[in-house]
Amino acid sequence: MKGGKMAKLLAVAVLSAGAATAYMVLTSRPIAVPVASTERNVAIRVYGLGTVEARIVSKIGFQVGAAVTQLSADDGDAVTRGDLLAHLDKDVQVSRVARARAAAEGAAANLDKAEANVAKAVTVLAQRRAADERQQTLVGRNVSSHQMAEEAKRDGEVAAADLTIARTEVDVVRSQVADAAAALAYEQAILSQHELRAPFDGVVVERHAEAGTVVRAGDVIYTLMDPGSVWVLAYIDEERAGFLAVGQKADIRLRSMPHDVYHGRVARIGIESDRVNEERRVWIACEICPPRAFLGEQAEVMITVAELAEALLVPEDAISGFDGHRGRVNVVRDGRLAEIELTFGHKDQDARIEVVSGLPEDAKIVTTPLKKQLEGRIARVIEEPVP
């Protein structure tokens, strides 16, 4: 009985010693860990998803209402500034123009008549003044009576008043002529608005009406775009948008042509971010554009926000407690694992982050997350190949 108990105690001791020996062997064996290497000429890019748009897109229509009688362009047609795109029925307006023209011609005739009356009044006044002068001379010689002299003087004053009235009539009729001319110009302008012309060189995006449709003033007949103003509206995560600047280079891939890369530059950065999606709007103007643009097509952009001559990049998942600026990483120092805090900068499109400061010269950063606390363990460095 006593011998069996001793055997059991001996077996437990042997197992414990074996376990302790195995633990010491396992914990003293070097761990192979990959470490980051310095890279040269690193382009820091941010990714954005957006759509093809155009800076100049106009919805055009008539300034007056009537029935559409003719449409000259359709979806996808190229138009030149001044091209006639559509007609409205203009019979009523033609009659109004004719009426206004007749009124203008009548006003002009009245002006001629008023000016003739002025000339007549000038002649009459001259005659009355000459008669007055003769009567005054005769009165002085006692050849004529004072009554006749007074009547001659009165006739001269009446003639002068008639001249003033005639000249005033000319001013009134001239105002009427100007009003009639303005009315005619107005009716002619309205008549010209029965034709819809292209306001710029462009492409018809959509035709919104057909012949025979009665439209109101302001109804959209065509949507036009200027193909020279095509750009990409991209949405960039606010977390990555801090280094964006106008003029930065960008690569563009269209969903319909994923194998082709088009080049452009940042033309505008929105001053207001999307409060819900936490994204910033960025417009990319293309330098090398696709032969034909389709508004609304999905596009991917890669914007180069910085080019680093040298950089040490660490995968984000190898950083613990990262707040966007600082975080802790595992390093190999003096052949053993340790944990230190570093300051970080740019983040590339592969979710690797640039080390800015805090790394000792003799330390190398582990690029994979370690699942358990291994600080102090012996480590064997595996240099990762530089991309």
Protein backbone atom coordinates (compact mmCIF):
# COMPACT_ATOMS: atom_id res chain seq x y z
CA MET A 1 0.00 0.00 0.00
CA LYS A 2 2.78 2.39 1.01
CA GLY A 3 4.83 1.37 -2.05
CA GLY A 4 1.95 2.24 -4.41
CA LYS A 5 1.60 5.69 -2.92
CA MET A 6 5.30 6.33 -3.33
CA ALA A 7 5.12 5.25 -6.96
CA LYS A 8 2.33 7.69 -7.64
CA LEU A 9 4.26 10.55 -6.03
CA LEU A 10 7.32 9.63 -8.08
CA ALA A 11 5.30 9.64 -11.30
CA VAL A 12 3.82 13.10 -10.54
CA ALA A 13 7.29 14.46 -9.83
CA VAL A 14 8.62 13.06 -13.10
CA LEU A 15 5.73 14.58 -15.08
CA SER A 16 6.15 17.98 -13.40
CA ALA A 17 9.85 17.96 -14.12
CA GLY A 18 9.16 17.06 -17.75
CA ALA A 19 6.59 19.84 -18.11
CA ALA A 20 8.96 22.37 -16.57
CA THR A 21 11.74 21.24 -18.87
CA ALA A 22 9.42 21.48 -21.92
CA TYR A 23 8.26 24.98 -20.90
CA MET A 24 11.85 26.13 -20.49
CA VAL A 25 12.76 24.70 -23.87
CA LEU A 26 9.74 26.27 -25.59
CA THR A 27 10.13 29.69 -23.98
CA SER A 28 13.83 29.83 -24.65
CA ARG A 29 13.53 28.85 -28.31
CA PRO A 30 13.81 31.90 -30.65
CA ILE A 31 10.62 33.10 -32.32
CA ALA A 32 10.88 33.92 -36.01
CA VAL A 33 9.20 37.29 -36.67
CA PRO A 34 9.03 39.40 -39.87
CA VAL A 35 10.26 42.99 -39.52
CA ALA A 36 9.80 46.13 -41.61
CA SER A 37 12.50 47.46 -43.91
CA THR A 38 13.06 51.00 -45.15
CA GLU A 39 11.57 51.65 -48.57
CA ARG A 40 12.57 54.31 -51.10
CA ASN A 41 10.49 56.52 -53.38
CA VAL A 42 7.20 55.67 -51.71
CA ALA A 43 4.08 57.21 -53.22
CA ILE A 44 1.36 57.81 -50.63
CA ARG A 45 -2.04 57.49 -52.28
CA VAL A 46 -5.58 57.76 -51.05
CA TYR A 47 -8.48 55.89 -52.56
CA GLY A 48 -11.82 57.38 -53.51
CA LEU A 49 -14.98 56.11 -55.14
CA GLY A 50 -17.13 58.45 -57.18
CA THR A 51 -18.91 59.15 -60.45
CA VAL A 52 -18.25 60.83 -63.76
CA GLU A 53 -19.82 64.29 -63.86
CA ALA A 54 -19.55 67.49 -65.90
CA ARG A 55 -18.94 70.95 -64.53
CA ILE A 56 -21.17 72.52 -67.19
CA VAL A 57 -24.54 70.76 -67.44
CA SER A 58 -27.51 72.91 -68.45
CA LYS A 59 -31.20 72.14 -68.54
CA ILE A 60 -32.50 74.44 -71.27
CA GLY A 61 -36.02 75.35 -72.37
CA PHE A 62 -38.15 78.12 -73.83
CA GLN A 63 -38.79 81.41 -72.04
CA VAL A 64 -42.36 81.36 -73.34
CA GLY A 65 -45.04 78.74 -73.60
CA ALA A 66 -46.67 77.26 -76.71
CA ALA A 67 -46.88 74.03 -78.69
CA VAL A 68 -43.60 72.47 -79.84
CA THR A 69 -43.64 72.19 -83.64
CA GLN A 70 -40.15 70.82 -84.34
CA LEU A 71 -37.19 69.25 -82.51
CA SER A 72 -33.85 69.07 -84.31
CA ALA A 73 -31.59 67.16 -81.89
CA ASP A 74 -31.72 63.91 -79.96
CA ASP A 75 -29.84 62.13 -77.17
CA GLY A 76 -26.10 61.92 -77.83
CA ASP A 77 -26.06 64.48 -80.66
CA ALA A 78 -23.20 66.98 -80.73
CA VAL A 79 -24.37 70.57 -81.12
CA THR A 80 -22.59 73.84 -81.81
CA ARG A 81 -23.34 77.12 -80.12
CA GLY A 82 -26.20 78.83 -81.95
CA ASP A 83 -27.60 75.66 -83.53
CA LEU A 84 -31.39 75.66 -83.77
CA LEU A 85 -32.67 72.87 -81.52
CA ALA A 86 -36.45 73.38 -81.38
CA HIS A 87 -39.37 75.55 -82.61
CA LEU A 88 -42.59 76.68 -80.96
CA ASP A 89 -45.77 77.56 -82.81
CA LYS A 90 -45.42 81.29 -83.47
CA ASP A 91 -48.50 82.34 -85.47
CA VAL A 92 -49.97 84.38 -82.62
CA GLN A 93 -46.66 86.08 -81.92
CA VAL A 94 -46.12 86.93 -85.59
CA SER A 95 -49.47 88.77 -85.51
CA ARG A 96 -48.40 90.67 -82.41
CA VAL A 97 -45.17 91.70 -84.08
CA ALA A 98 -47.13 92.94 -87.13
CA ARG A 99 -49.44 94.94 -84.87
CA ALA A 100 -46.49 96.46 -83.02
CA ARG A 101 -44.77 97.31 -86.29
CA ALA A 102 -47.91 99.08 -87.55
CA ALA A 103 -48.08 101.05 -84.31
CA ALA A 104 -44.43 102.03 -84.72
CA GLU A 105 -45.03 103.16 -88.30
CA GLY A 106 -48.10 105.18 -87.19
CA ALA A 107 -46.05 106.86 -84.49
CA ALA A 108 -43.38 107.71 -87.03
CA ALA A 109 -46.01 109.28 -89.32
CA ASN A 110 -47.38 111.30 -86.41
CA LEU A 111 -43.87 112.55 -85.73
CA ASP A 112 -43.53 113.72 -89.33
CA LYS A 113 -46.88 115.49 -89.00
CA ALA A 114 -45.86 117.13 -85.69
CA GLU A 115 -42.57 118.31 -87.14
CA ALA A 116 -44.45 119.74 -90.17
CA ASN A 117 -46.73 121.61 -87.76
CA VAL A 118 -43.65 123.09 -86.11
CA ALA A 119 -42.38 124.30 -89.47
CA LYS A 120 -45.81 125.79 -90.20
CA ALA A 121 -45.94 127.48 -86.81
CA VAL A 122 -42.47 128.96 -87.38
CA THR A 123 -43.65 130.46 -90.72
CA VAL A 124 -46.86 131.82 -89.23
CA LEU A 125 -44.93 133.39 -86.37
CA ALA A 126 -42.56 135.06 -88.80
CA GLN A 127 -45.49 136.45 -90.78
CA ARG A 128 -47.27 137.74 -87.67
CA ARG A 129 -44.15 139.40 -86.34
CA ALA A 130 -43.53 141.12 -89.69
CA ALA A 131 -47.16 142.34 -89.71
CA ASP A 132 -46.80 143.59 -86.15
CA GLU A 133 -43.67 145.53 -87.04
CA ARG A 134 -45.48 147.19 -89.98
CA GLN A 135 -48.46 148.16 -87.84
CA GLN A 136 -46.22 149.64 -85.17
CA THR A 137 -44.43 151.67 -87.85
CA LEU A 138 -47.72 152.92 -89.32
CA VAL A 139 -49.06 153.86 -85.87
CA GLY A 140 -45.93 155.92 -85.34
CA ARG A 141 -46.71 157.82 -88.55
CA ASN A 142 -50.38 158.16 -87.59
CA VAL A 143 -51.30 156.16 -90.69
CA SER A 144 -52.92 153.25 -88.84
CA SER A 145 -55.05 153.03 -85.74
CA HIS A 146 -53.85 151.84 -82.33
CA GLN A 147 -56.48 149.07 -82.42
CA MET A 148 -54.99 147.51 -85.51
CA ALA A 149 -51.52 147.72 -84.00
CA GLU A 150 -52.72 145.97 -80.83
CA GLU A 151 -54.39 143.24 -82.88
CA ALA A 152 -51.21 142.66 -84.86
CA LYS A 153 -49.19 142.40 -81.64
CA ARG A 154 -51.74 139.93 -80.20
CA ASP A 155 -51.61 137.81 -83.34
CA GLY A 156 -47.84 137.58 -83.01
CA GLU A 157 -48.09 136.40 -79.39
CA VAL A 158 -50.70 133.82 -80.37
CA ALA A 159 -48.41 132.57 -83.16
CA ALA A 160 -45.52 132.26 -80.67
CA ALA A 161 -47.73 130.22 -78.32
CA ASP A 162 -48.81 128.00 -81.20
CA LEU A 163 -45.14 127.35 -82.00
CA THR A 164 -44.46 126.33 -78.40
CA ILE A 165 -47.42 123.94 -78.51
CA ALA A 166 -46.25 122.48 -81.82
CA ARG A 167 -42.75 121.87 -80.44
CA THR A 168 -44.23 120.24 -77.33
CA GLU A 169 -46.33 118.03 -79.56
CA VAL A 170 -43.14 116.93 -81.31
CA ASP A 171 -41.62 115.90 -77.93
CA VAL A 172 -44.78 113.97 -77.04
CA VAL A 173 -44.89 112.18 -80.38
CA ARG A 174 -41.17 111.36 -80.16
CA SER A 175 -41.87 109.66 -76.82
CA GLN A 176 -44.67 107.75 -78.51
CA VAL A 177 -42.29 106.73 -81.29
CA ALA A 178 -39.76 105.49 -78.73
CA ASP A 179 -42.51 103.59 -76.87
CA ALA A 180 -43.75 102.02 -80.11
CA ALA A 181 -40.19 101.05 -81.09
CA ALA A 182 -39.65 99.48 -77.67
CA ALA A 183 -42.96 97.60 -77.96
CA LEU A 184 -41.93 96.33 -81.39
CA ALA A 185 -38.50 95.25 -80.08
CA TYR A 186 -40.22 93.48 -77.18
CA GLU A 187 -42.58 91.57 -79.45
CA GLN A 188 -39.70 90.68 -81.77
CA ALA A 189 -37.71 89.43 -78.77
CA ILE A 190 -40.66 87.29 -77.74
CA LEU A 191 -40.83 85.98 -81.30
CA SER A 192 -37.15 85.04 -81.22
CA GLN A 193 -37.80 83.15 -77.98
CA HIS A 194 -39.98 80.77 -79.98
CA GLU A 195 -36.70 79.29 -81.25
CA LEU A 196 -34.43 77.33 -78.90
CA ARG A 197 -30.74 77.53 -79.75
CA ALA A 198 -27.70 75.82 -78.23
CA PRO A 199 -26.03 78.13 -75.66
CA PHE A 200 -22.62 76.45 -76.06
CA ASP A 201 -20.81 73.68 -77.90
CA GLY A 202 -21.92 70.48 -76.25
CA VAL A 203 -23.63 67.11 -76.33
CA VAL A 204 -27.31 66.38 -75.79
CA VAL A 205 -27.60 64.31 -72.63
CA GLU A 206 -31.38 63.93 -72.80
CA ARG A 207 -34.37 65.22 -74.76
CA HIS A 208 -37.36 65.79 -72.49
CA ALA A 209 -40.15 66.67 -74.97
CA GLU A 210 -41.58 65.63 -78.31
CA ALA A 211 -43.19 67.56 -81.17
CA GLY A 212 -46.76 68.53 -80.43
CA THR A 213 -46.26 68.90 -76.69
CA VAL A 214 -47.60 72.12 -75.22
CA VAL A 215 -44.92 73.44 -72.90
CA ARG A 216 -44.86 76.23 -70.37
CA ALA A 217 -42.17 78.83 -69.90
CA GLY A 218 -39.19 77.24 -68.18
CA ASP A 219 -40.06 73.61 -68.96
CA VAL A 220 -36.91 71.61 -69.70
CA ILE A 221 -36.62 70.58 -73.34
CA TYR A 222 -32.98 69.42 -73.46
CA THR A 223 -30.19 68.64 -71.03
CA LEU A 224 -26.83 69.65 -72.50
CA MET A 225 -23.32 69.11 -71.23
CA ASP A 226 -19.97 70.55 -72.25
CA PRO A 227 -17.72 67.51 -72.91
CA GLY A 228 -14.67 69.64 -72.22
CA SER A 229 -15.81 70.12 -68.63
CA VAL A 230 -16.03 66.42 -67.72
CA TRP A 231 -14.50 65.53 -64.36
CA VAL A 232 -14.85 62.92 -61.62
CA LEU A 233 -16.55 63.63 -58.31
CA ALA A 234 -14.89 61.35 -55.75
CA TYR A 235 -15.65 60.80 -52.08
CA ILE A 236 -12.63 60.45 -49.77
CA ASP A 237 -12.78 59.18 -46.21
CA GLU A 238 -12.15 62.09 -43.82
CA GLU A 239 -9.51 59.98 -42.08
CA ARG A 240 -7.47 60.00 -45.29
CA ALA A 241 -8.37 63.48 -46.55
CA GLY A 242 -6.04 65.57 -44.41
CA PHE A 243 -3.21 65.74 -46.97
CA LEU A 244 -5.37 66.48 -50.01
CA ALA A 245 -4.46 69.59 -52.02
CA VAL A 246 -5.50 71.15 -55.33
CA GLY A 247 -3.15 70.15 -58.16
CA GLN A 248 -2.23 66.68 -56.86
CA LYS A 249 -1.99 63.90 -59.44
CA ALA A 250 -4.69 61.27 -59.66
CA ASP A 251 -5.28 58.05 -61.56
CA ILE A 252 -8.82 57.25 -62.69
CA ARG A 253 -10.38 53.89 -63.56
CA LEU A 254 -13.85 53.70 -65.04
CA ARG A 255 -16.13 50.78 -64.28
CA SER A 256 -16.77 50.20 -67.99
CA MET A 257 -13.04 50.19 -68.80
CA PRO A 258 -11.28 48.73 -65.74
CA HIS A 259 -8.09 47.93 -67.64
CA ASP A 260 -7.51 51.53 -68.76
CA VAL A 261 -6.05 54.19 -66.48
CA TYR A 262 -6.75 57.86 -67.13
CA HIS A 263 -4.79 60.65 -65.53
CA GLY A 264 -5.92 63.90 -63.97
CA ARG A 265 -5.37 66.35 -61.15
CA VAL A 266 -7.37 67.54 -58.17
CA ALA A 267 -9.31 70.58 -59.38
CA ARG A 268 -11.49 71.34 -56.35
CA ILE A 269 -11.93 70.17 -52.78
CA GLY A 270 -15.31 70.64 -51.17
CA ILE A 271 -15.32 72.90 -48.12
CA GLU A 272 -18.16 70.92 -46.54
CA SER A 273 -17.91 67.24 -45.69
CA ASP A 274 -20.76 64.76 -45.73
CA ARG A 275 -21.93 64.72 -42.11
CA VAL A 276 -23.48 61.25 -42.39
CA ASN A 277 -20.86 59.31 -44.35
CA GLU A 278 -17.92 61.37 -43.01
CA GLU A 279 -16.49 61.84 -46.48
CA ARG A 280 -14.97 64.77 -48.32
CA ARG A 281 -15.92 65.62 -51.89
CA VAL A 282 -13.06 66.00 -54.35
CA TRP A 283 -13.33 66.88 -58.04
CA ILE A 284 -10.71 65.42 -60.41
CA ALA A 285 -10.22 67.12 -63.79
CA CYS A 286 -8.80 64.65 -66.28
CA GLU A 287 -5.77 65.48 -68.40
CA ILE A 288 -6.01 62.33 -70.51
CA CYS A 289 -9.74 61.66 -70.82
CA PRO A 290 -11.77 58.76 -72.24
CA PRO A 291 -13.00 59.30 -75.80
CA ARG A 292 -16.59 59.49 -74.58
CA ALA A 293 -17.92 60.23 -71.12
CA PHE A 294 -21.07 58.80 -69.57
CA LEU A 295 -22.40 60.92 -66.75
CA GLY A 296 -23.01 59.03 -63.54
CA GLU A 297 -20.66 56.14 -64.38
CA GLN A 298 -18.82 54.79 -61.37
CA ALA A 299 -15.13 55.65 -61.18
CA GLU A 300 -12.28 54.78 -58.83
CA VAL A 301 -9.53 57.31 -58.15
CA MET A 302 -6.10 57.09 -56.59
CA ILE A 303 -4.75 60.49 -55.52
CA THR A 304 -1.03 60.86 -54.83
CA VAL A 305 -0.91 63.07 -51.72
CA ALA A 306 2.82 62.69 -50.99
CA GLU A 307 6.00 61.15 -52.35
CA LEU A 308 8.48 60.02 -49.69
CA ALA A 309 12.15 59.61 -50.56
CA GLU A 310 12.50 57.08 -47.69
CA ALA A 311 9.87 55.57 -45.47
CA LEU A 312 9.45 52.84 -42.88
CA LEU A 313 5.90 51.48 -43.18
CA VAL A 314 4.07 49.30 -40.66
CA PRO A 315 0.78 47.46 -41.28
CA GLU A 316 -2.02 49.00 -39.26
CA ASP A 317 -3.02 45.65 -37.76
CA ALA A 318 0.46 45.39 -36.19
CA ILE A 319 -0.18 48.58 -34.17
CA SER A 320 -2.12 48.43 -30.92
CA GLY A 321 -3.94 51.35 -29.37
CA PHE A 322 -3.59 53.38 -32.56
CA ASP A 323 -5.42 56.73 -32.37
CA GLY A 324 -4.51 58.00 -35.81
CA HIS A 325 -1.30 59.58 -34.56
CA ARG A 326 0.34 57.36 -31.94
CA GLY A 327 0.30 53.65 -31.13
CA ARG A 328 2.33 50.76 -29.74
CA VAL A 329 4.23 48.15 -31.75
CA ASN A 330 6.35 45.10 -31.03
CA VAL A 331 10.03 45.47 -31.84
CA VAL A 332 13.10 43.26 -31.77
CA ARG A 333 15.83 44.89 -29.74
CA ASP A 334 19.03 43.22 -28.60
CA GLY A 335 17.61 39.95 -29.89
CA ARG A 336 14.47 40.07 -27.74
CA LEU A 337 10.89 41.22 -28.17
CA ALA A 338 9.77 44.49 -26.61
CA GLU A 339 6.85 46.87 -26.95
CA ILE A 340 7.31 50.60 -27.53
CA GLU A 341 5.17 53.61 -28.49
CA LEU A 342 5.74 55.36 -31.83
CA THR A 343 4.47 58.42 -33.67
CA PHE A 344 3.00 57.81 -37.13
CA GLY A 345 2.34 59.91 -40.23
CA HIS A 346 1.08 59.05 -43.71
CA LYS A 347 -1.03 56.00 -44.46
CA ASP A 348 -0.75 54.32 -47.87
CA GLN A 349 -3.41 52.53 -49.89
CA ASP A 350 -2.34 49.14 -48.44
CA ALA A 351 -3.19 50.28 -44.88
CA ARG A 352 0.48 50.64 -43.97
CA ILE A 353 1.43 53.64 -41.86
CA GLU A 354 4.63 55.68 -41.96
CA VAL A 355 6.79 55.72 -38.81
CA VAL A 356 7.69 59.32 -37.99
CA SER A 357 9.52 59.16 -34.68
CA GLY A 358 10.14 57.17 -31.51
CA LEU A 359 12.00 54.17 -32.97
CA PRO A 360 15.44 53.44 -31.42
CA GLU A 361 18.24 52.94 -33.92
CA ASP A 362 18.89 49.34 -32.85
CA ALA A 363 15.23 48.27 -32.99
CA LYS A 364 13.30 46.62 -35.79
CA ILE A 365 9.51 46.70 -35.97
CA VAL A 366 7.55 43.42 -36.10
CA THR A 367 5.04 43.59 -38.95
CA THR A 368 2.61 40.93 -37.76
CA PRO A 369 0.38 41.09 -34.68
CA LEU A 370 1.48 38.78 -31.85
CA LYS A 371 -1.45 36.96 -30.29
CA LYS A 372 -0.04 36.77 -26.76
CA GLN A 373 2.34 38.59 -24.52
CA LEU A 374 5.81 37.62 -25.62
CA GLU A 375 7.80 40.58 -24.32
CA GLY A 376 11.32 39.50 -23.45
CA ARG A 377 11.27 36.41 -25.62
CA ILE A 378 14.23 35.72 -27.88
CA ALA A 379 13.37 36.55 -31.48
CA ARG A 380 14.89 35.72 -34.84
CA VAL A 381 14.47 38.46 -37.41
CA ILE A 382 13.06 37.75 -40.89
CA GLU A 383 13.60 40.71 -43.20
CA GLU A 384 10.52 41.27 -45.36
CA PRO A 385 11.23 41.94 -49.04
CA VAL A 386 10.87 45.58 -50.08
CA PRO A 387 8.02 46.04 -52.56
